[in-house]
Every structure is written in C-alpha cells, then in structure tokens.
N, C-alpha and C. Protein backbone atom coordinates (compact mmCIF):
# COMPACT_ATOMS: atom_id res chain seq x y z
N MET A 1 -11.77 -32.78 -35.22
CA MET A 1 -11.21 -33.00 -33.56
C MET A 1 -11.73 -33.24 -32.55
N SER A 2 -11.63 -34.32 -32.01
CA SER A 2 -12.90 -34.81 -30.94
C SER A 2 -12.96 -33.35 -29.70
N GLN A 3 -13.87 -33.90 -28.87
CA GLN A 3 -14.12 -32.85 -28.06
C GLN A 3 -13.24 -32.85 -26.84
N ARG A 4 -12.25 -33.45 -26.44
CA ARG A 4 -11.43 -33.69 -25.61
C ARG A 4 -10.05 -32.88 -25.99
N LYS A 5 -9.78 -33.25 -27.42
CA LYS A 5 -8.67 -32.21 -27.92
C LYS A 5 -9.15 -30.91 -28.38
N LEU A 6 -10.49 -30.83 -28.37
CA LEU A 6 -10.46 -29.33 -28.72
C LEU A 6 -10.51 -28.64 -27.34
N GLY A 7 -11.03 -28.97 -26.29
CA GLY A 7 -10.90 -28.92 -24.82
C GLY A 7 -9.65 -28.44 -24.35
N ARG A 8 -8.49 -29.65 -24.59
CA ARG A 8 -7.24 -29.23 -24.42
C ARG A 8 -6.49 -28.01 -24.95
N ALA A 9 -6.86 -28.12 -26.49
CA ALA A 9 -6.50 -27.16 -27.22
C ALA A 9 -7.04 -25.36 -26.51
N ILE A 10 -7.95 -25.49 -26.19
CA ILE A 10 -8.64 -23.99 -25.51
C ILE A 10 -7.94 -23.87 -24.62
N SER A 11 -7.81 -24.97 -23.45
CA SER A 11 -7.39 -24.78 -22.20
C SER A 11 -5.79 -24.41 -22.49
N ALA A 12 -5.16 -25.06 -23.57
CA ALA A 12 -3.83 -24.38 -23.83
C ALA A 12 -3.50 -22.95 -24.34
N VAL A 13 -4.64 -22.71 -24.82
CA VAL A 13 -4.78 -21.26 -25.44
C VAL A 13 -5.01 -19.97 -24.18
N VAL A 14 -5.71 -20.41 -23.26
CA VAL A 14 -5.86 -19.53 -22.11
C VAL A 14 -5.28 -19.69 -21.13
N LEU A 15 -4.23 -20.88 -21.04
CA LEU A 15 -3.25 -20.74 -20.01
C LEU A 15 -2.08 -19.84 -20.75
N THR A 16 -1.87 -20.17 -22.07
CA THR A 16 -0.49 -19.20 -22.84
C THR A 16 -0.79 -17.75 -22.44
N LEU A 17 -2.34 -17.53 -22.98
CA LEU A 17 -2.75 -15.88 -22.71
C LEU A 17 -2.42 -15.45 -21.26
N GLY A 18 -3.10 -16.34 -20.39
CA GLY A 18 -2.99 -16.15 -18.73
C GLY A 18 -1.42 -15.91 -18.25
N LEU A 19 -0.93 -16.41 -19.17
CA LEU A 19 0.55 -16.35 -18.81
C LEU A 19 1.10 -15.14 -19.27
N LEU A 20 0.90 -14.73 -20.65
CA LEU A 20 1.54 -13.59 -21.09
C LEU A 20 0.77 -12.22 -20.83
N VAL A 21 -0.30 -12.42 -20.52
CA VAL A 21 -0.65 -10.94 -19.26
C VAL A 21 -0.09 -11.14 -18.05
N THR A 22 0.13 -12.03 -17.36
CA THR A 22 0.79 -12.01 -16.29
C THR A 22 2.44 -11.59 -16.18
N ALA A 23 3.07 -11.90 -17.37
CA ALA A 23 4.43 -11.55 -17.90
C ALA A 23 4.46 -10.33 -17.94
N ALA A 24 3.62 -9.55 -18.90
CA ALA A 24 3.45 -8.33 -19.47
C ALA A 24 3.24 -7.32 -17.69
N SER A 25 2.45 -7.70 -16.97
CA SER A 25 2.03 -6.70 -15.84
C SER A 25 3.31 -6.72 -14.86
N PRO A 26 3.59 -5.36 -14.70
CA PRO A 26 4.99 -4.98 -13.84
C PRO A 26 4.55 -5.51 -12.85
N ALA A 27 5.43 -5.98 -11.88
CA ALA A 27 5.26 -6.43 -10.34
C ALA A 27 6.09 -5.35 -9.63
N ARG A 28 5.71 -5.22 -8.06
CA ARG A 28 6.55 -4.33 -7.72
C ARG A 28 6.92 -5.00 -6.01
N SER A 29 8.01 -5.30 -5.60
CA SER A 29 8.06 -5.65 -4.21
C SER A 29 7.86 -4.38 -3.09
N VAL A 30 7.13 -4.93 -2.15
CA VAL A 30 6.73 -4.15 -0.98
C VAL A 30 7.43 -4.68 0.07
N LEU A 31 8.32 -3.93 1.28
CA LEU A 31 8.69 -4.41 2.14
C LEU A 31 8.03 -4.02 3.41
N GLU A 32 8.25 -4.90 4.41
CA GLU A 32 7.79 -4.88 5.92
C GLU A 32 9.19 -4.77 6.36
N CYS A 33 9.18 -3.45 7.11
CA CYS A 33 10.31 -2.85 8.03
C CYS A 33 10.14 -2.64 9.09
N ARG A 34 11.28 -2.92 10.06
CA ARG A 34 11.38 -2.62 11.27
C ARG A 34 12.40 -1.73 11.88
N SER A 35 12.12 -0.54 12.24
CA SER A 35 13.21 0.54 12.79
C SER A 35 13.61 0.01 14.38
N PRO A 36 14.78 0.52 14.62
CA PRO A 36 15.60 -0.28 15.89
C PRO A 36 14.55 0.22 17.24
N ASP A 37 13.53 1.08 17.01
CA ASP A 37 12.79 1.18 18.18
C ASP A 37 11.73 0.54 17.91
N GLY A 38 11.61 -0.74 17.37
CA GLY A 38 10.33 -1.41 17.05
C GLY A 38 9.11 -0.86 16.17
N ASN A 39 9.34 -0.07 15.54
CA ASN A 39 8.18 0.49 14.24
C ASN A 39 8.13 -0.25 13.24
N ARG A 40 6.79 -0.41 12.79
CA ARG A 40 6.71 -1.37 11.50
C ARG A 40 6.04 -0.56 10.31
N TYR A 41 6.83 -0.30 9.49
CA TYR A 41 6.06 0.49 8.16
C TYR A 41 6.44 -0.53 7.09
N PHE A 42 5.66 0.13 6.21
CA PHE A 42 5.77 -0.51 4.74
C PHE A 42 6.50 0.60 3.62
N SER A 43 7.29 -0.40 2.81
CA SER A 43 7.54 0.72 1.87
C SER A 43 8.75 -0.18 0.55
N TYR A 44 9.00 0.73 -0.33
CA TYR A 44 9.27 -0.06 -1.42
C TYR A 44 11.01 -0.21 -0.59
N SER A 45 11.39 0.45 0.04
CA SER A 45 12.87 -0.11 0.50
C SER A 45 12.77 0.41 2.11
N CYS A 46 13.52 -0.13 2.87
CA CYS A 46 13.50 0.18 4.37
C CYS A 46 14.72 1.39 4.36
N ALA A 47 14.78 2.11 5.42
CA ALA A 47 15.36 3.53 5.37
C ALA A 47 16.96 2.66 6.57
N PRO A 48 18.20 3.35 5.94
CA PRO A 48 19.35 2.61 6.47
C PRO A 48 18.97 2.23 7.95
N GLY A 49 19.38 1.67 8.48
CA GLY A 49 19.92 0.91 10.35
C GLY A 49 18.52 0.04 10.31
N ASP A 50 17.17 0.28 9.31
CA ASP A 50 16.08 -0.77 9.63
C ASP A 50 16.34 -1.98 9.20
N THR A 51 15.61 -2.77 9.67
CA THR A 51 15.30 -4.55 9.00
C THR A 51 14.18 -4.70 8.61
N LYS A 52 14.46 -5.59 7.34
CA LYS A 52 13.43 -5.97 6.31
C LYS A 52 12.71 -7.33 6.94
N THR A 53 11.63 -6.98 7.64
CA THR A 53 11.08 -8.40 8.33
C THR A 53 10.16 -9.29 7.32
N SER A 54 9.45 -8.79 6.14
CA SER A 54 8.98 -9.62 5.12
C SER A 54 9.06 -8.73 3.67
N GLU A 55 8.79 -9.44 2.41
CA GLU A 55 8.73 -8.95 1.27
C GLU A 55 7.59 -9.62 0.56
N LYS A 56 6.67 -8.64 -0.36
CA LYS A 56 5.44 -9.15 -0.87
C LYS A 56 5.69 -8.64 -2.16
N LEU A 57 5.59 -9.34 -3.30
CA LEU A 57 5.38 -8.98 -4.79
C LEU A 57 4.27 -8.77 -4.92
N LEU A 58 3.82 -7.21 -5.41
CA LEU A 58 2.52 -7.01 -5.97
C LEU A 58 2.43 -6.81 -7.06
N ARG A 59 1.21 -7.57 -7.93
CA ARG A 59 1.23 -7.46 -9.66
C ARG A 59 0.28 -6.14 -9.70
N SER A 60 0.76 -5.23 -10.84
CA SER A 60 -0.43 -4.45 -11.21
C SER A 60 -1.39 -5.24 -11.89
N PRO A 61 -2.51 -4.46 -12.15
CA PRO A 61 -3.81 -5.30 -12.62
C PRO A 61 -3.52 -5.25 -14.25
N GLY A 62 -2.91 -4.42 -14.71
CA GLY A 62 -2.46 -4.24 -16.07
C GLY A 62 -1.05 -3.44 -16.49
N SER A 63 -0.58 -3.11 -17.63
CA SER A 63 0.73 -2.29 -17.55
C SER A 63 0.47 -1.13 -17.89
N SER A 64 -0.84 -0.51 -18.30
CA SER A 64 -1.14 0.83 -18.27
C SER A 64 -1.55 1.03 -17.10
N ALA A 65 -1.76 0.58 -15.96
CA ALA A 65 -1.68 1.48 -14.71
C ALA A 65 -0.37 1.86 -13.88
N ALA A 66 0.48 0.78 -14.51
CA ALA A 66 1.55 1.49 -13.98
C ALA A 66 2.37 2.17 -14.38
N THR A 67 1.83 2.73 -15.52
CA THR A 67 2.71 3.56 -16.86
C THR A 67 2.17 5.15 -16.42
N THR A 68 0.87 4.83 -15.90
CA THR A 68 0.18 6.64 -15.82
C THR A 68 0.39 7.17 -14.83
N SER A 69 0.93 8.60 -14.99
CA SER A 69 1.99 9.21 -13.74
C SER A 69 1.03 9.30 -12.79
N GLY A 70 -0.50 9.42 -12.35
CA GLY A 70 -1.03 9.37 -11.22
C GLY A 70 -1.46 7.97 -10.83
N SER A 71 -0.70 6.90 -11.14
CA SER A 71 -1.32 5.67 -10.64
C SER A 71 -0.65 5.47 -9.05
N ALA A 72 -1.16 4.51 -8.52
CA ALA A 72 -0.90 4.09 -7.10
C ALA A 72 0.42 4.04 -7.13
N THR A 73 0.87 3.20 -8.15
CA THR A 73 2.30 2.65 -7.72
C THR A 73 3.45 3.89 -7.65
N HIS A 74 2.94 5.06 -8.34
CA HIS A 74 3.91 6.14 -8.01
C HIS A 74 3.32 7.00 -6.92
N LYS A 75 2.62 6.47 -5.88
CA LYS A 75 1.82 7.31 -4.74
C LYS A 75 2.94 6.70 -3.78
N THR A 76 3.38 7.75 -2.95
CA THR A 76 3.97 7.36 -1.53
C THR A 76 2.63 7.52 -0.52
N VAL A 77 2.52 6.76 0.16
CA VAL A 77 1.49 7.06 1.57
C VAL A 77 2.34 6.81 2.67
N THR A 78 2.20 7.37 3.60
CA THR A 78 2.73 7.60 4.62
C THR A 78 1.76 8.28 5.94
N LEU A 79 1.64 7.26 7.09
CA LEU A 79 0.89 7.40 8.40
C LEU A 79 1.76 8.05 9.45
N TYR A 80 1.53 8.86 10.15
CA TYR A 80 1.65 9.34 11.23
C TYR A 80 0.97 9.28 12.38
N VAL A 81 1.43 8.31 13.68
CA VAL A 81 0.61 8.04 14.67
C VAL A 81 1.43 8.23 15.91
N VAL A 82 0.48 7.79 17.02
CA VAL A 82 1.23 7.67 18.45
C VAL A 82 0.63 6.01 18.94
N PRO A 83 1.38 5.81 20.06
CA PRO A 83 0.89 4.48 20.51
C PRO A 83 -0.41 4.73 21.11
N SER A 84 -1.30 3.48 21.24
CA SER A 84 -2.42 3.62 21.94
C SER A 84 -3.50 4.59 21.18
N CYS A 85 -3.73 4.60 20.31
CA CYS A 85 -4.57 5.70 19.69
C CYS A 85 -5.58 4.78 18.80
N ASP A 86 -6.49 4.90 18.79
CA ASP A 86 -7.73 3.99 18.36
C ASP A 86 -8.09 4.29 16.69
N ALA A 87 -8.14 5.80 16.45
CA ALA A 87 -8.04 6.26 15.35
C ALA A 87 -6.94 6.18 14.25
N CYS A 88 -5.73 5.98 14.97
CA CYS A 88 -4.34 5.48 14.22
C CYS A 88 -4.71 3.82 13.98
N ASP A 89 -5.13 3.06 14.68
CA ASP A 89 -5.36 1.68 14.41
C ASP A 89 -6.32 1.48 13.40
N LEU A 90 -7.18 2.15 13.31
CA LEU A 90 -8.40 2.33 12.09
C LEU A 90 -8.03 2.67 10.87
N VAL A 91 -6.93 3.91 10.84
CA VAL A 91 -6.62 4.33 9.73
C VAL A 91 -5.56 3.03 9.04
N ARG A 92 -4.51 2.56 9.96
CA ARG A 92 -3.52 1.64 9.25
C ARG A 92 -4.40 0.48 9.21
N ASN A 93 -5.51 -0.19 9.73
CA ASN A 93 -6.24 -1.40 9.31
C ASN A 93 -6.56 -1.36 7.95
N GLN A 94 -7.06 -0.35 7.70
CA GLN A 94 -8.07 0.16 6.47
C GLN A 94 -6.97 0.35 5.23
N LEU A 95 -5.92 0.54 5.61
CA LEU A 95 -4.55 0.74 4.71
C LEU A 95 -4.26 -1.13 4.56
N ARG A 96 -4.36 -1.71 5.55
CA ARG A 96 -3.69 -3.24 5.24
C ARG A 96 -4.97 -3.86 4.56
N GLU A 97 -6.31 -3.61 4.63
CA GLU A 97 -7.29 -3.95 4.23
C GLU A 97 -7.35 -4.16 2.67
N ARG A 98 -7.17 -2.66 2.14
CA ARG A 98 -6.76 -2.43 0.96
C ARG A 98 -5.38 -2.89 0.19
N GLY A 99 -4.47 -3.02 0.89
CA GLY A 99 -3.29 -3.94 0.48
C GLY A 99 -2.51 -2.27 -0.10
N VAL A 100 -2.55 -1.44 0.91
CA VAL A 100 -1.78 -0.65 0.43
C VAL A 100 -0.41 -0.32 1.02
N PRO A 101 0.82 -0.30 0.24
CA PRO A 101 1.83 -0.04 1.08
C PRO A 101 2.11 1.48 1.73
N PHE A 102 2.43 1.20 3.04
CA PHE A 102 2.84 2.72 3.79
C PHE A 102 3.75 2.72 4.67
N SER A 103 4.63 3.84 4.95
CA SER A 103 5.44 3.92 6.03
C SER A 103 4.86 4.47 6.97
N LEU A 104 5.01 3.96 8.19
CA LEU A 104 4.84 4.35 9.51
C LEU A 104 5.70 5.24 10.39
N HIS A 105 5.12 6.32 10.95
CA HIS A 105 6.02 6.73 11.69
C HIS A 105 5.30 7.12 12.90
N ASP A 106 6.01 6.81 14.21
CA ASP A 106 5.53 7.31 15.35
C ASP A 106 5.93 8.65 15.97
N VAL A 107 4.75 9.57 16.13
CA VAL A 107 5.57 10.81 16.64
C VAL A 107 5.77 10.86 17.75
N SER A 108 5.73 9.95 18.92
CA SER A 108 6.12 10.05 19.96
C SER A 108 7.30 10.11 20.31
N SER A 109 8.15 9.35 19.21
CA SER A 109 9.49 9.03 20.00
C SER A 109 10.29 9.34 18.56
N ASP A 110 9.65 10.00 17.67
CA ASP A 110 10.49 10.15 16.23
C ASP A 110 10.32 11.96 16.47
N GLN A 111 11.47 12.65 16.78
CA GLN A 111 11.69 13.82 16.45
C GLN A 111 11.67 14.19 14.81
N ALA A 112 11.99 13.30 13.97
CA ALA A 112 11.80 13.99 12.47
C ALA A 112 10.41 14.19 12.08
N ALA A 113 10.02 13.04 12.78
CA ALA A 113 8.24 12.87 12.25
C ALA A 113 7.40 13.91 12.77
N GLN A 114 8.11 14.35 14.15
CA GLN A 114 7.17 15.82 14.77
C GLN A 114 7.45 16.43 14.03
N GLU A 115 8.39 16.62 13.23
CA GLU A 115 8.75 18.08 12.63
C GLU A 115 8.04 18.08 11.46
N ALA A 116 7.84 16.67 10.72
CA ALA A 116 7.48 16.61 9.45
C ALA A 116 5.61 16.79 9.62
N VAL A 117 5.02 16.39 10.83
CA VAL A 117 3.70 16.68 11.14
C VAL A 117 3.55 17.84 11.33
N GLN A 118 4.48 18.83 12.02
CA GLN A 118 4.20 20.13 12.29
C GLN A 118 4.42 21.12 11.08
N LYS A 119 5.14 20.53 9.81
CA LYS A 119 5.14 21.55 8.66
C LYS A 119 3.88 20.77 7.79
N LEU A 120 3.30 19.73 7.74
CA LEU A 120 2.38 19.29 6.99
C LEU A 120 1.10 19.87 7.63
N THR A 121 0.66 20.07 8.72
CA THR A 121 -0.58 20.54 9.42
C THR A 121 -0.82 21.52 10.38
N LYS A 122 0.61 22.01 10.63
CA LYS A 122 0.69 23.22 11.65
C LYS A 122 0.16 22.46 13.42
N SER A 123 -0.05 21.53 13.18
CA SER A 123 -0.54 20.98 14.43
C SER A 123 0.01 19.67 14.93
N THR A 124 -0.28 18.73 16.12
CA THR A 124 0.21 17.70 16.66
C THR A 124 -1.19 16.57 16.20
N THR A 125 -1.77 16.75 15.87
CA THR A 125 -3.02 16.11 16.23
C THR A 125 -2.64 14.67 14.91
N VAL A 126 -2.72 13.82 15.53
CA VAL A 126 -3.02 12.18 14.73
C VAL A 126 -4.36 11.59 14.84
N PRO A 127 -4.41 10.35 13.74
CA PRO A 127 -3.42 10.16 12.81
C PRO A 127 -3.61 11.30 11.60
N ILE A 128 -2.13 11.26 11.08
CA ILE A 128 -2.23 12.07 9.72
C ILE A 128 -1.77 11.11 8.51
N LEU A 129 -2.49 11.05 7.60
CA LEU A 129 -1.88 10.19 6.59
C LEU A 129 -1.74 11.13 5.28
N VAL A 130 -0.82 10.89 4.50
CA VAL A 130 -0.31 11.47 3.26
C VAL A 130 -0.12 10.53 1.89
N ILE A 131 -1.23 10.86 1.01
CA ILE A 131 -1.36 10.05 0.01
C ILE A 131 -0.68 10.78 -1.08
N GLY A 132 0.47 10.76 -1.66
CA GLY A 132 0.88 11.67 -2.62
C GLY A 132 1.18 13.02 -1.93
N SER A 133 0.62 13.71 -2.44
CA SER A 133 0.35 15.02 -2.36
C SER A 133 -0.86 15.87 -1.39
N GLN A 134 -1.52 14.63 -0.98
CA GLN A 134 -2.70 15.11 -0.51
C GLN A 134 -2.53 14.49 1.36
N VAL A 135 -3.28 15.23 2.09
CA VAL A 135 -2.86 15.29 3.79
C VAL A 135 -4.33 15.34 4.15
N LEU A 136 -4.39 13.92 5.20
CA LEU A 136 -5.61 13.71 5.48
C LEU A 136 -5.62 13.58 7.12
N THR A 137 -6.41 14.37 8.30
CA THR A 137 -6.09 14.15 9.42
C THR A 137 -7.29 13.67 9.96
N GLY A 138 -7.04 12.60 11.07
CA GLY A 138 -8.07 12.08 11.88
C GLY A 138 -8.47 11.14 11.18
N TYR A 139 -9.44 10.34 11.22
CA TYR A 139 -10.36 9.27 10.46
C TYR A 139 -11.81 9.11 10.27
N ASP A 140 -11.81 8.89 8.93
CA ASP A 140 -12.94 9.00 8.38
C ASP A 140 -13.02 7.76 7.21
N ARG A 141 -13.82 6.87 7.76
CA ARG A 141 -13.44 5.67 6.40
C ARG A 141 -14.20 5.95 5.03
N VAL A 142 -15.06 6.57 4.94
CA VAL A 142 -15.74 6.70 3.85
C VAL A 142 -14.66 8.01 2.95
N ALA A 143 -14.42 8.91 3.64
CA ALA A 143 -13.11 9.69 3.02
C ALA A 143 -12.10 9.31 2.37
N LEU A 144 -11.58 8.07 3.65
CA LEU A 144 -10.23 7.65 3.40
C LEU A 144 -10.27 6.61 2.18
N GLY A 145 -11.52 5.58 2.23
CA GLY A 145 -11.58 5.07 0.91
C GLY A 145 -11.73 5.73 -0.24
N GLN A 146 -12.61 7.21 -0.64
CA GLN A 146 -12.53 7.80 -1.49
C GLN A 146 -11.33 8.11 -2.21
N GLN A 147 -10.34 8.65 -0.99
CA GLN A 147 -9.30 9.24 -1.17
C GLN A 147 -8.33 7.99 -1.71
N LEU A 148 -8.16 6.72 -0.99
CA LEU A 148 -7.67 5.71 -2.15
C LEU A 148 -7.83 5.47 -3.41
N ASN A 149 -9.41 5.46 -3.66
CA ASN A 149 -9.80 5.23 -5.02
C ASN A 149 -9.22 6.10 -5.85
N GLU A 150 -9.25 7.59 -5.16
CA GLU A 150 -8.62 8.53 -6.14
C GLU A 150 -7.09 8.21 -6.42
N ALA A 151 -6.50 8.01 -5.66
CA ALA A 151 -5.17 7.58 -5.60
C ALA A 151 -4.50 6.43 -6.69
N GLY A 152 -5.93 5.81 -7.13
CA GLY A 152 -5.54 4.59 -7.49
C GLY A 152 -5.29 3.27 -7.07
N PHE A 153 -5.60 3.12 -5.56
CA PHE A 153 -5.71 1.94 -5.09
C PHE A 153 -6.79 1.38 -5.03
N PRO A 154 -6.87 0.16 -5.54
CA PRO A 154 -8.18 -0.82 -5.90
C PRO A 154 -8.49 -1.18 -4.28
N ALA A 155 -9.94 -1.18 -4.50
CA ALA A 155 -10.65 -1.74 -3.12
C ALA A 155 -10.03 -3.41 -3.28
N ALA A 156 -10.31 -3.76 -1.95
CA ALA A 156 -9.73 -5.00 -1.68
C ALA A 156 -10.52 -6.19 -1.69
N ALA A 157 -10.89 -7.07 -2.48
CA ALA A 157 -11.77 -8.30 -2.66
C ALA A 157 -12.30 -8.67 -1.27
N GLY A 158 -11.49 -8.75 -0.32
CA GLY A 158 -11.84 -9.27 1.07
C GLY A 158 -10.67 -8.80 1.93
N PRO A 159 -10.80 -8.97 3.19
CA PRO A 159 -9.68 -8.36 4.13
C PRO A 159 -8.68 -9.38 4.00
N ALA A 160 -7.63 -8.68 3.99
CA ALA A 160 -6.51 -9.07 4.33
C ALA A 160 -5.56 -9.10 5.45
N ALA A 161 -4.90 -10.23 5.24
CA ALA A 161 -4.18 -10.77 6.75
C ALA A 161 -3.21 -9.47 6.99
N ALA A 162 -3.17 -9.27 8.39
CA ALA A 162 -2.37 -8.26 8.55
C ALA A 162 -1.13 -8.63 8.85
N PRO A 163 -0.16 -7.69 8.53
CA PRO A 163 1.17 -8.32 8.41
C PRO A 163 1.90 -8.07 10.35
C-alpha cells in the first residue's frame, strides 16, 4: 500500500472513530429565555409566558458523565440578583465563562424570588447562587470555581462569548 493510500485509510479510521464518539455523546439543549419584565436566564426550558431568545446544543465530554447521578447535567444552577450589583455581575460572568447554564432571578421585582431567597438564606443579601443543593452567597471567584468543579462543570478553555 502506498504512503498516500495508507494516510487516507488512517484518516478515514480517525474520522469514523470521531463520528462514533460524537454520536455516542449525549447532548442537551440549553435555552436563553427572557421574562416579560426583561430578565434573561438560562435553563433547559423556559417558564410559561417567557420567550426563548436562543438555544445552544451542549455535548457532554463522554457518555459516562451524563449518566453519573452527581454529574453537572443533573445540577440545577440558579442565580438571584438585583440590578446594579457588581458582585452579581461577577458571578454571572464567571458562570458564562464556564459555559454553565443557569436561571437568573431579579429579586428586586420578583416576589417569588424574594421568598425563595428568604427561605434559602434567612437574609436578603445577593448574589445568591444555588448549584444543586449547595447555596453560595456573595462572590468569591476561587470558591465559586471550586464549587463548579465539584458540581462537574468543566473549566472553560477560554472566555466564552456572553449571550
């Protein structure tokens, strides 16, 4: 077999394996939603009355990660904020950099979000981030990164474009 034919055969095998791995990897759509009052959030489905503004298909790095009960695909991430909050913006930006889907709730105008925050922390301090059953208050870049790692959200290779 010539060098050229051997190279083509190897390329075909590599391409086939790549396609098989990609096909076996589960994917999940993450939606960007907008509530009637203008709040944006990221979730696997938009709440009734909210508008889907975009959709992104996320692939798991492997099929085993999606079937593990503690994997990131099973973690719900919720961020409670108020407008003009620098710490809230920092948390939101770090989540976007990591590509973490999250729902966003403005407690300044959402009574249900205010009640949820009160139940979670017995306080009204924001930002409040809920990752699965873990509740983080305030902003600490390192602590948030560690919590995202523990929750199974991989570190981003580079900064992602903010939606």
